[in-house]
Protein backbone atom coordinates (compact mmCIF):
# COMPACT_ATOMS: atom_id res chain seq x y z
CA GLN A 1 -2.73 19.16 -8.09
CA VAL A 2 -2.15 15.16 -8.27
CA GLN A 3 -4.21 13.04 -5.87
CA LEU A 4 -3.72 9.27 -5.05
CA VAL A 5 -7.09 7.51 -4.51
CA GLU A 6 -7.11 3.93 -2.22
CA SER A 7 -9.76 1.90 -1.95
CA GLY A 8 -10.27 -2.24 -0.73
CA GLY A 9 -9.98 -1.45 3.06
CA GLY A 10 -12.30 -2.89 5.16
CA LEU A 11 -13.28 -5.62 8.21
CA VAL A 12 -12.16 -8.91 7.78
CA GLN A 13 -11.15 -12.16 9.82
CA PRO A 14 -8.35 -13.36 10.88
CA GLY A 15 -6.49 -15.80 8.15
CA GLY A 16 -9.29 -13.56 5.40
CA SER A 17 -7.36 -11.54 2.19
CA LEU A 18 -7.97 -8.18 1.26
CA ARG A 19 -6.77 -6.78 -1.46
CA LEU A 20 -5.87 -2.75 -1.36
CA SER A 21 -5.80 -0.58 -4.59
CA CYS A 22 -4.65 2.83 -5.38
CA ALA A 23 -4.85 4.95 -8.56
CA ALA A 24 -3.64 8.46 -9.48
CA SER A 25 -5.94 11.27 -10.66
CA ARG A 26 -3.35 12.74 -12.92
CA LYS A 27 -0.18 11.63 -14.94
CA ILE A 28 3.06 11.39 -12.65
CA SER A 29 6.06 10.89 -14.30
CA SER A 30 9.40 9.76 -14.04
CA ILE A 31 8.15 7.17 -11.30
CA THR A 32 11.04 5.88 -8.87
CA ASN A 33 9.28 3.38 -6.90
CA MET A 34 5.45 3.13 -5.26
CA ALA A 35 4.92 2.00 -1.76
CA TRP A 36 2.59 0.91 0.86
CA PHE A 37 2.63 2.31 4.31
CA ARG A 38 0.66 1.80 7.34
CA GLN A 39 -0.04 2.77 11.00
CA ALA A 40 -1.55 1.58 14.03
CA PRO A 41 -3.02 3.61 16.71
CA GLY A 42 0.16 5.17 18.88
CA LYS A 43 2.59 3.93 16.49
CA GLN A 44 4.80 5.29 14.13
CA ARG A 45 4.27 4.69 10.16
CA GLU A 46 5.77 2.34 8.74
CA LEU A 47 6.61 0.86 5.29
CA VAL A 48 4.73 -2.24 4.56
CA ALA A 49 5.96 -2.94 0.73
CA LEU A 50 7.85 -1.29 -2.07
CA ILE A 51 8.33 -1.83 -6.12
CA THR A 52 10.85 0.13 -7.95
CA SER A 53 10.00 1.25 -11.50
CA GLY A 54 12.35 -1.57 -12.54
CA GLY A 55 10.26 -4.24 -10.71
CA SER A 56 12.01 -5.05 -7.55
CA THR A 57 10.26 -5.66 -4.19
CA ASN A 58 11.11 -5.32 -0.87
CA TYR A 59 9.17 -5.87 1.92
CA ALA A 60 8.74 -5.93 6.09
CA HIS A 61 9.48 -8.65 7.56
CA SER A 62 6.31 -9.01 9.35
CA VAL A 63 4.53 -9.42 6.00
CA LYS A 64 6.99 -10.98 3.76
CA GLY A 65 4.88 -14.47 2.38
CA ARG A 66 1.72 -12.92 3.28
CA PHE A 67 1.32 -10.22 1.31
CA THR A 68 2.36 -8.79 -2.37
CA ILE A 69 2.58 -5.90 -3.94
CA SER A 70 2.29 -4.99 -7.76
CA GLY A 71 2.46 -1.78 -9.46
CA ASP A 72 1.74 0.07 -13.13
CA ASN A 73 3.92 2.75 -14.24
CA ALA A 74 2.44 3.69 -17.00
CA LYS A 75 -0.91 3.61 -15.60
CA ASN A 76 0.13 4.88 -11.70
CA THR A 77 -1.53 2.35 -9.80
CA VAL A 78 -0.06 -0.08 -7.22
CA SER A 79 -2.25 -2.71 -5.40
CA LEU A 80 -1.42 -4.71 -2.28
CA GLN A 81 -2.82 -8.08 -1.91
CA MET A 82 -3.06 -9.35 1.61
CA ASN A 83 -3.47 -13.16 2.61
CA SER A 84 -2.94 -14.38 5.70
CA LEU A 85 -4.31 -11.46 7.68
CA LYS A 86 -3.53 -11.35 11.44
CA PRO A 87 -5.11 -9.00 14.14
CA GLU A 88 -1.56 -7.12 14.53
CA ASP A 89 -1.95 -5.88 10.27
CA THR A 90 -4.66 -3.43 11.74
CA ALA A 91 -3.99 -0.47 10.65
CA ALA A 92 -4.50 2.44 8.44
CA TYR A 93 -3.09 1.52 5.34
CA TYR A 94 -1.49 4.49 2.65
CA CYS A 95 -0.03 4.40 -0.84
CA ARG A 96 2.72 6.41 -1.66
CA ILE A 97 4.40 7.25 -5.32
CA LEU A 98 7.46 8.76 -5.57
CA SER A 99 8.72 10.40 -8.44
CA VAL A 100 11.90 12.81 -9.33
CA PHE A 101 9.41 15.63 -8.60
CA GLY A 102 8.25 14.46 -5.13
CA ALA A 103 6.47 12.19 -2.83
CA TYR A 104 2.70 11.70 -3.68
CA TRP A 105 0.43 10.72 -0.80
CA GLY A 106 -3.08 8.60 -0.29
CA GLN A 107 -5.87 9.65 2.19
CA GLY A 108 -5.52 6.34 4.07
CA THR A 109 -7.48 3.47 3.68
CA GLN A 110 -8.76 1.17 7.45
CA VAL A 111 -8.15 -2.37 7.13
CA THR A 112 -9.55 -4.16 10.70
CA VAL A 113 -8.67 -7.89 11.03
CA SER A 114 -10.78 -9.45 14.06
CA SER A 115 -13.10 -11.92 14.98
């Protein structure tokens, strides 16, 4: 069974940066897209950023210009560079890889933005 392993979360001050990484434990074929979601306490999980197999990207309005998603289909890795972090970015962040065979999710990594 494929597992996605995330890393890079933590505590950071407002205005700071973090880089999240996600890697698959086994090869995933026929990837459609890779994405990062987040879920804050009491809120629904929301899409933060997505990158297609062709390299096109989409971002939530709230993170556009601050976050950058990158991915490597061959290595089955996806990263999220987060700059100019704000307290409202505090959430558990989840990576997801979507292939023609199904969706794979990470276990989540906590990002806390606080002074």
